[in-house]
Amino acid sequence: MSPESKARLLGAIGSWSMRALLFTLRFRFEDRARIMATPPEKPLLWAFWHNRLFVMPYVFEHFFPGRPGAALTSASKDGEILAAFLKRFSVRAIRGSSSSGGARALVEMKRAIENGYIMGITPDGPRGPRYHLNPGVVKLAQVTGGFVLPVRIRYSRFWQLKSWDGFMIPKPFATVEITFDTLHKVLPTKNQDAFEAERIHLERTLADSG
């Protein structure tokens, strides 16, 4: 079996298993950004921590139908499986990371956003540190003029893996509370200190979900 075929198979198995679990979950939303009813005029970058991403493909597919979505995944073999998984939820995968293919991925994400895609980003991924916001999301918001949507996800009951991020999987019949916080406009910066101040500000905005 080729690596591509193996990735597609694992992606399919993963999506089937996930949908069976998702069927039992209860979702509650707090939409401070008012995006569920009215799509914003500016490009949108969803930002949420890596260990909370389990439900996000389904949330986008089920609660935002008709809005094209994309997500950054790593260029590794695991990223290929995740790309196949995301495709099952009609989410386009853009391959790359800060350690591999970062510049190419930034260009591709910029192009996707300009074409109307909502971009999902885990700013502490793919390797962490946990809850540390990497600068890529700030750069992307600056070059596209898009707004960052901080997304906070909480599970009432969950399993937690012994991974670098402490990845969380909600238990059957758990309640999933999702907060779409107010839109965050990343300001242009003239030097590294100003850029770092923007990065820290956005990191603190997301810190409530840590």
C-alpha atoms as a PDB file:
ATOM      1  CA  MET A   1       0.000   0.000   0.000  1.00  0.00           C
ATOM      2  CA  SER A   2       1.380   3.407  -0.975  1.00  0.00           C
ATOM      3  CA  PRO A   3       1.864   6.106   1.695  1.00  0.00           C
ATOM      4  CA  GLU A   4      -0.928   8.134   0.073  1.00  0.00           C
ATOM      5  CA  SER A   5      -3.347   5.181   0.160  1.00  0.00           C
ATOM      6  CA  LYS A   6      -2.417   4.415   3.760  1.00  0.00           C
ATOM      7  CA  ALA A   7      -3.040   8.058   4.735  1.00  0.00           C
ATOM      8  CA  ARG A   8      -6.457   8.019   3.026  1.00  0.00           C
ATOM      9  CA  LEU A   9      -7.403   4.778   4.809  1.00  0.00           C
ATOM     10  CA  LEU A  10      -6.333   6.041   8.220  1.00  0.00           C
ATOM     11  CA  GLY A  11      -8.079   9.351   7.567  1.00  0.00           C
ATOM     12  CA  ALA A  12     -11.299   7.520   6.725  1.00  0.00           C
ATOM     13  CA  ILE A  13     -11.109   5.283   9.811  1.00  0.00           C
ATOM     14  CA  GLY A  14     -10.370   8.289  11.997  1.00  0.00           C
ATOM     15  CA  SER A  15     -13.306  10.282  10.633  1.00  0.00           C
ATOM     16  CA  TRP A  16     -15.747   7.373  11.083  1.00  0.00           C
ATOM     17  CA  SER A  17     -14.607   6.846  14.685  1.00  0.00           C
ATOM     18  CA  MET A  18     -14.773  10.534  15.417  1.00  0.00           C
ATOM     19  CA  ARG A  19     -18.288  10.927  14.016  1.00  0.00           C
ATOM     20  CA  ALA A  20     -19.521   8.088  16.212  1.00  0.00           C
ATOM     21  CA  LEU A  21     -18.224   9.924  19.281  1.00  0.00           C
ATOM     22  CA  LEU A  22     -19.404  13.333  18.073  1.00  0.00           C
ATOM     23  CA  PHE A  23     -22.954  12.014  17.794  1.00  0.00           C
ATOM     24  CA  THR A  24     -23.061  11.747  21.605  1.00  0.00           C
ATOM     25  CA  LEU A  25     -21.687  15.212  22.414  1.00  0.00           C
ATOM     26  CA  ARG A  26     -23.655  18.312  23.343  1.00  0.00           C
ATOM     27  CA  PHE A  27     -22.420  21.637  21.955  1.00  0.00           C
ATOM     28  CA  ARG A  28     -22.900  25.041  23.528  1.00  0.00           C
ATOM     29  CA  PHE A  29     -21.727  28.235  21.824  1.00  0.00           C
ATOM     30  CA  GLU A  30     -20.998  31.737  22.993  1.00  0.00           C
ATOM     31  CA  ASP A  31     -20.682  33.845  19.853  1.00  0.00           C
ATOM     32  CA  ARG A  32     -19.168  37.133  21.029  1.00  0.00           C
ATOM     33  CA  ALA A  33     -17.895  37.808  17.504  1.00  0.00           C
ATOM     34  CA  ARG A  34     -21.372  37.303  15.962  1.00  0.00           C
ATOM     35  CA  ILE A  35     -19.933  35.225  13.138  1.00  0.00           C
ATOM     36  CA  MET A  36     -22.372  32.301  13.157  1.00  0.00           C
ATOM     37  CA  ALA A  37     -25.204  34.277  11.624  1.00  0.00           C
ATOM     38  CA  THR A  38     -23.297  36.881   9.612  1.00  0.00           C
ATOM     39  CA  PRO A  39     -19.941  36.130   7.935  1.00  0.00           C
ATOM     40  CA  PRO A  40     -17.481  39.004   8.482  1.00  0.00           C
ATOM     41  CA  GLU A  41     -16.403  41.107   5.529  1.00  0.00           C
ATOM     42  CA  LYS A  42     -12.688  40.786   6.319  1.00  0.00           C
ATOM     43  CA  PRO A  43     -10.689  37.532   6.029  1.00  0.00           C
ATOM     44  CA  LEU A  44     -10.860  35.412   9.166  1.00  0.00           C
ATOM     45  CA  LEU A  45      -8.158  33.378  10.922  1.00  0.00           C
ATOM     46  CA  TRP A  46      -9.468  30.980  13.560  1.00  0.00           C
ATOM     47  CA  ALA A  47      -6.876  30.480  16.324  1.00  0.00           C
ATOM     48  CA  PHE A  48      -7.195  27.714  18.922  1.00  0.00           C
ATOM     49  CA  TRP A  49      -4.731  25.650  20.924  1.00  0.00           C
ATOM     50  CA  HIS A  50      -3.436  22.426  19.447  1.00  0.00           C
ATOM     51  CA  ASN A  51      -4.740  20.198  22.238  1.00  0.00           C
ATOM     52  CA  ARG A  52      -8.346  21.393  21.702  1.00  0.00           C
ATOM     53  CA  LEU A  53      -8.597  20.815  17.942  1.00  0.00           C
ATOM     54  CA  PHE A  54     -10.381  17.439  18.103  1.00  0.00           C
ATOM     55  CA  VAL A  55     -13.899  18.779  17.519  1.00  0.00           C
ATOM     56  CA  MET A  56     -13.029  21.697  15.243  1.00  0.00           C
ATOM     57  CA  PRO A  57     -13.330  19.980  11.822  1.00  0.00           C
ATOM     58  CA  TYR A  58     -16.854  18.884  12.741  1.00  0.00           C
ATOM     59  CA  VAL A  59     -17.743  22.318  14.154  1.00  0.00           C
ATOM     60  CA  PHE A  60     -16.730  23.957  10.907  1.00  0.00           C
ATOM     61  CA  GLU A  61     -18.498  21.395   8.725  1.00  0.00           C
ATOM     62  CA  HIS A  62     -21.720  21.258  10.750  1.00  0.00           C
ATOM     63  CA  PHE A  63     -22.189  24.825  11.980  1.00  0.00           C
ATOM     64  CA  PHE A  64     -20.627  26.780   9.097  1.00  0.00           C
ATOM     65  CA  PRO A  65     -21.919  25.018   5.977  1.00  0.00           C
ATOM     66  CA  GLY A  66     -21.145  26.687   2.684  1.00  0.00           C
ATOM     67  CA  ARG A  67     -18.114  28.593   3.981  1.00  0.00           C
ATOM     68  CA  PRO A  68     -14.843  27.259   2.508  1.00  0.00           C
ATOM     69  CA  GLY A  69     -12.294  26.325   5.150  1.00  0.00           C
ATOM     70  CA  ALA A  70      -8.609  25.461   5.224  1.00  0.00           C
ATOM     71  CA  ALA A  71      -6.123  24.498   7.913  1.00  0.00           C
ATOM     72  CA  LEU A  72      -2.362  24.365   8.250  1.00  0.00           C
ATOM     73  CA  THR A  73      -0.958  20.864   8.774  1.00  0.00           C
ATOM     74  CA  SER A  74       2.635  19.746   9.073  1.00  0.00           C
ATOM     75  CA  ALA A  75       4.630  18.434   6.118  1.00  0.00           C
ATOM     76  CA  SER A  76       5.329  15.179   7.989  1.00  0.00           C
ATOM     77  CA  LYS A  77       3.749  11.745   7.498  1.00  0.00           C
ATOM     78  CA  ASP A  78       1.400  12.502  10.383  1.00  0.00           C
ATOM     79  CA  GLY A  79       0.440  15.691   8.576  1.00  0.00           C
ATOM     80  CA  GLU A  80      -0.456  13.659   5.505  1.00  0.00           C
ATOM     81  CA  ILE A  81      -2.845  11.531   7.569  1.00  0.00           C
ATOM     82  CA  LEU A  82      -4.349  14.663   9.115  1.00  0.00           C
ATOM     83  CA  ALA A  83      -4.796  16.165   5.633  1.00  0.00           C
ATOM     84  CA  ALA A  84      -6.724  13.059   4.537  1.00  0.00           C
ATOM     85  CA  PHE A  85      -8.787  13.281   7.719  1.00  0.00           C
ATOM     86  CA  LEU A  86      -9.625  16.957   7.176  1.00  0.00           C
ATOM     87  CA  LYS A  87     -10.710  16.270   3.622  1.00  0.00           C
ATOM     88  CA  ARG A  88     -13.464  14.059   5.058  1.00  0.00           C
ATOM     89  CA  PHE A  89     -14.851  17.198   6.701  1.00  0.00           C
ATOM     90  CA  SER A  90     -14.460  19.311   3.540  1.00  0.00           C
ATOM     91  CA  VAL A  91     -11.517  21.223   5.003  1.00  0.00           C
ATOM     92  CA  ARG A  92      -8.570  21.908   2.703  1.00  0.00           C
ATOM     93  CA  ALA A  93      -5.139  21.121   4.152  1.00  0.00           C
ATOM     94  CA  ILE A  94      -2.175  23.406   3.513  1.00  0.00           C
ATOM     95  CA  ARG A  95       1.046  21.553   4.219  1.00  0.00           C
ATOM     96  CA  GLY A  96       3.944  23.184   6.027  1.00  0.00           C
ATOM     97  CA  SER A  97       5.192  24.401   9.391  1.00  0.00           C
ATOM     98  CA  SER A  98       7.714  26.708  10.971  1.00  0.00           C
ATOM     99  CA  SER A  99      10.343  23.970  10.609  1.00  0.00           C
ATOM    100  CA  SER A 100       9.500  22.707   7.112  1.00  0.00           C
ATOM    101  CA  GLY A 101       7.973  24.517   4.151  1.00  0.00           C
ATOM    102  CA  GLY A 102       7.000  27.527   6.243  1.00  0.00           C
ATOM    103  CA  ALA A 103       7.528  30.218   3.612  1.00  0.00           C
ATOM    104  CA  ARG A 104       5.666  28.231   0.946  1.00  0.00           C
ATOM    105  CA  ALA A 105       2.819  27.520   3.347  1.00  0.00           C
ATOM    106  CA  LEU A 106       2.543  31.224   4.240  1.00  0.00           C
ATOM    107  CA  VAL A 107       2.178  32.132   0.562  1.00  0.00           C
ATOM    108  CA  GLU A 108      -0.419  29.405   0.024  1.00  0.00           C
ATOM    109  CA  MET A 109      -2.396  30.428   3.106  1.00  0.00           C
ATOM    110  CA  LYS A 110      -2.362  34.052   1.992  1.00  0.00           C
ATOM    111  CA  ARG A 111      -3.685  33.021  -1.424  1.00  0.00           C
ATOM    112  CA  ALA A 112      -6.409  30.859   0.130  1.00  0.00           C
ATOM    113  CA  ILE A 113      -7.540  33.688   2.426  1.00  0.00           C
ATOM    114  CA  GLU A 114      -7.657  36.110  -0.506  1.00  0.00           C
ATOM    115  CA  ASN A 115      -9.896  33.567  -2.254  1.00  0.00           C
ATOM    116  CA  GLY A 116     -12.377  33.606   0.623  1.00  0.00           C
ATOM    117  CA  TYR A 117     -11.220  30.690   2.763  1.00  0.00           C
ATOM    118  CA  ILE A 118     -11.495  30.743   6.540  1.00  0.00           C
ATOM    119  CA  MET A 119      -8.117  29.630   7.881  1.00  0.00           C
ATOM    120  CA  GLY A 120      -7.815  27.447  10.980  1.00  0.00           C
ATOM    121  CA  ILE A 121      -4.509  27.688  12.851  1.00  0.00           C
ATOM    122  CA  THR A 122      -3.166  26.052  16.010  1.00  0.00           C
ATOM    123  CA  PRO A 123      -0.597  28.692  16.944  1.00  0.00           C
ATOM    124  CA  ASP A 124       1.317  26.464  19.370  1.00  0.00           C
ATOM    125  CA  GLY A 125       1.595  23.608  16.856  1.00  0.00           C
ATOM    126  CA  PRO A 126       2.957  21.381  15.543  1.00  0.00           C
ATOM    127  CA  ARG A 127       5.605  20.934  18.248  1.00  0.00           C
ATOM    128  CA  GLY A 128       4.933  23.498  20.927  1.00  0.00           C
ATOM    129  CA  PRO A 129       5.734  24.629  23.518  1.00  0.00           C
ATOM    130  CA  ARG A 130       2.177  24.158  24.726  1.00  0.00           C
ATOM    131  CA  TYR A 131       0.195  27.413  24.841  1.00  0.00           C
ATOM    132  CA  HIS A 132       3.062  29.403  23.299  1.00  0.00           C
ATOM    133  CA  LEU A 133       1.812  31.421  20.348  1.00  0.00           C
ATOM    134  CA  ASN A 134       4.236  31.074  17.458  1.00  0.00           C
ATOM    135  CA  PRO A 135       4.698  34.211  15.289  1.00  0.00           C
ATOM    136  CA  GLY A 136       3.218  32.734  12.088  1.00  0.00           C
ATOM    137  CA  VAL A 137      -0.380  33.683  12.871  1.00  0.00           C
ATOM    138  CA  VAL A 138       0.665  37.282  13.562  1.00  0.00           C
ATOM    139  CA  LYS A 139       2.560  37.475  10.263  1.00  0.00           C
ATOM    140  CA  LEU A 140      -0.369  35.977   8.358  1.00  0.00           C
ATOM    141  CA  ALA A 141      -2.852  38.427   9.879  1.00  0.00           C
ATOM    142  CA  GLN A 142      -0.575  41.333   8.991  1.00  0.00           C
ATOM    143  CA  VAL A 143       0.017  40.344   5.355  1.00  0.00           C
ATOM    144  CA  THR A 144      -3.663  39.563   4.687  1.00  0.00           C
ATOM    145  CA  GLY A 145      -5.322  42.287   6.755  1.00  0.00           C
ATOM    146  CA  GLY A 146      -7.457  39.558   8.277  1.00  0.00           C
ATOM    147  CA  PHE A 147      -8.957  39.411  11.741  1.00  0.00           C
ATOM    148  CA  VAL A 148      -7.911  36.733  14.221  1.00  0.00           C
ATOM    149  CA  LEU A 149     -10.842  34.934  15.822  1.00  0.00           C
ATOM    150  CA  PRO A 150      -9.742  33.514  19.211  1.00  0.00           C
ATOM    151  CA  VAL A 151     -11.621  30.239  19.717  1.00  0.00           C
ATOM    152  CA  ARG A 152     -11.819  28.738  23.189  1.00  0.00           C
ATOM    153  CA  ILE A 153     -12.872  25.109  23.578  1.00  0.00           C
ATOM    154  CA  ARG A 154     -13.689  23.384  26.860  1.00  0.00           C
ATOM    155  CA  TYR A 155     -14.794  19.786  27.453  1.00  0.00           C
ATOM    156  CA  SER A 156     -16.786  18.858  30.550  1.00  0.00           C
ATOM    157  CA  ARG A 157     -15.127  15.423  30.582  1.00  0.00           C
ATOM    158  CA  PHE A 158     -12.164  14.254  28.540  1.00  0.00           C
ATOM    159  CA  TRP A 159      -9.250  11.887  28.168  1.00  0.00           C
ATOM    160  CA  GLN A 160      -5.829  13.527  28.040  1.00  0.00           C
ATOM    161  CA  LEU A 161      -2.965  11.992  26.095  1.00  0.00           C
ATOM    162  CA  LYS A 162       0.645  11.980  27.286  1.00  0.00           C
ATOM    163  CA  SER A 163       1.775  14.049  24.330  1.00  0.00           C
ATOM    164  CA  TRP A 164       3.688  17.337  24.250  1.00  0.00           C
ATOM    165  CA  ASP A 165       0.405  19.272  24.134  1.00  0.00           C
ATOM    166  CA  GLY A 166      -1.655  17.091  26.478  1.00  0.00           C
ATOM    167  CA  PHE A 167      -4.122  16.438  23.658  1.00  0.00           C
ATOM    168  CA  MET A 168      -7.733  16.249  24.847  1.00  0.00           C
ATOM    169  CA  ILE A 169     -10.433  13.894  23.559  1.00  0.00           C
ATOM    170  CA  PRO A 170     -13.940  14.486  24.929  1.00  0.00           C
ATOM    171  CA  LYS A 171     -15.582  11.498  26.559  1.00  0.00           C
ATOM    172  CA  PRO A 172     -18.954  10.219  25.279  1.00  0.00           C
ATOM    173  CA  PHE A 173     -21.894  12.449  26.251  1.00  0.00           C
ATOM    174  CA  ALA A 174     -19.600  15.286  27.335  1.00  0.00           C
ATOM    175  CA  THR A 175     -20.593  18.912  26.884  1.00  0.00           C
ATOM    176  CA  VAL A 176     -18.412  20.961  24.554  1.00  0.00           C
ATOM    177  CA  GLU A 177     -18.395  24.691  25.300  1.00  0.00           C
ATOM    178  CA  ILE A 178     -17.054  26.836  22.458  1.00  0.00           C
ATOM    179  CA  THR A 179     -16.490  30.570  22.709  1.00  0.00           C
ATOM    180  CA  PHE A 180     -15.911  32.649  19.593  1.00  0.00           C
ATOM    181  CA  ASP A 181     -14.275  35.672  21.184  1.00  0.00           C
ATOM    182  CA  THR A 182     -14.357  39.197  19.790  1.00  0.00           C
ATOM    183  CA  LEU A 183     -12.356  39.649  16.602  1.00  0.00           C
ATOM    184  CA  HIS A 184      -8.738  40.677  17.102  1.00  0.00           C
ATOM    185  CA  LYS A 185      -7.129  43.101  14.654  1.00  0.00           C
ATOM    186  CA  VAL A 186      -3.354  42.626  14.453  1.00  0.00           C
ATOM    187  CA  LEU A 187      -1.719  46.013  13.993  1.00  0.00           C
ATOM    188  CA  PRO A 188       1.181  46.681  11.588  1.00  0.00           C
ATOM    189  CA  THR A 189       4.544  46.761  13.356  1.00  0.00           C
ATOM    190  CA  LYS A 190       7.722  48.675  12.521  1.00  0.00           C
ATOM    191  CA  ASN A 191      10.235  46.674  14.536  1.00  0.00           C
ATOM    192  CA  GLN A 192      10.751  43.380  16.341  1.00  0.00           C
ATOM    193  CA  ASP A 193       9.792  44.758  19.752  1.00  0.00           C
ATOM    194  CA  ALA A 194       6.427  45.966  18.444  1.00  0.00           C
ATOM    195  CA  PHE A 195       5.873  42.645  16.689  1.00  0.00           C
ATOM    196  CA  GLU A 196       6.630  40.756  19.890  1.00  0.00           C
ATOM    197  CA  ALA A 197       4.163  42.949  21.778  1.00  0.00           C
ATOM    198  CA  GLU A 198       1.445  41.986  19.267  1.00  0.00           C
ATOM    199  CA  ARG A 199       2.371  38.300  19.613  1.00  0.00           C
ATOM    200  CA  ILE A 200       2.198  38.450  23.417  1.00  0.00           C
ATOM    201  CA  HIS A 201      -1.110  40.330  23.326  1.00  0.00           C
ATOM    202  CA  LEU A 202      -2.692  37.657  21.139  1.00  0.00           C
ATOM    203  CA  GLU A 203      -1.181  34.867  23.249  1.00  0.00           C
ATOM    204  CA  ARG A 204      -2.757  36.365  26.359  1.00  0.00           C
ATOM    205  CA  THR A 205      -6.087  36.687  24.580  1.00  0.00           C
ATOM    206  CA  LEU A 206      -6.058  32.933  23.978  1.00  0.00           C
ATOM    207  CA  ALA A 207      -4.635  32.104  27.413  1.00  0.00           C
ATOM    208  CA  ASP A 208      -8.073  31.726  28.993  1.00  0.00           C
ATOM    209  CA  SER A 209      -8.385  28.361  27.224  1.00  0.00           C
ATOM    210  CA  GLY A 210      -5.087  27.144  28.617  1.00  0.00           C
END
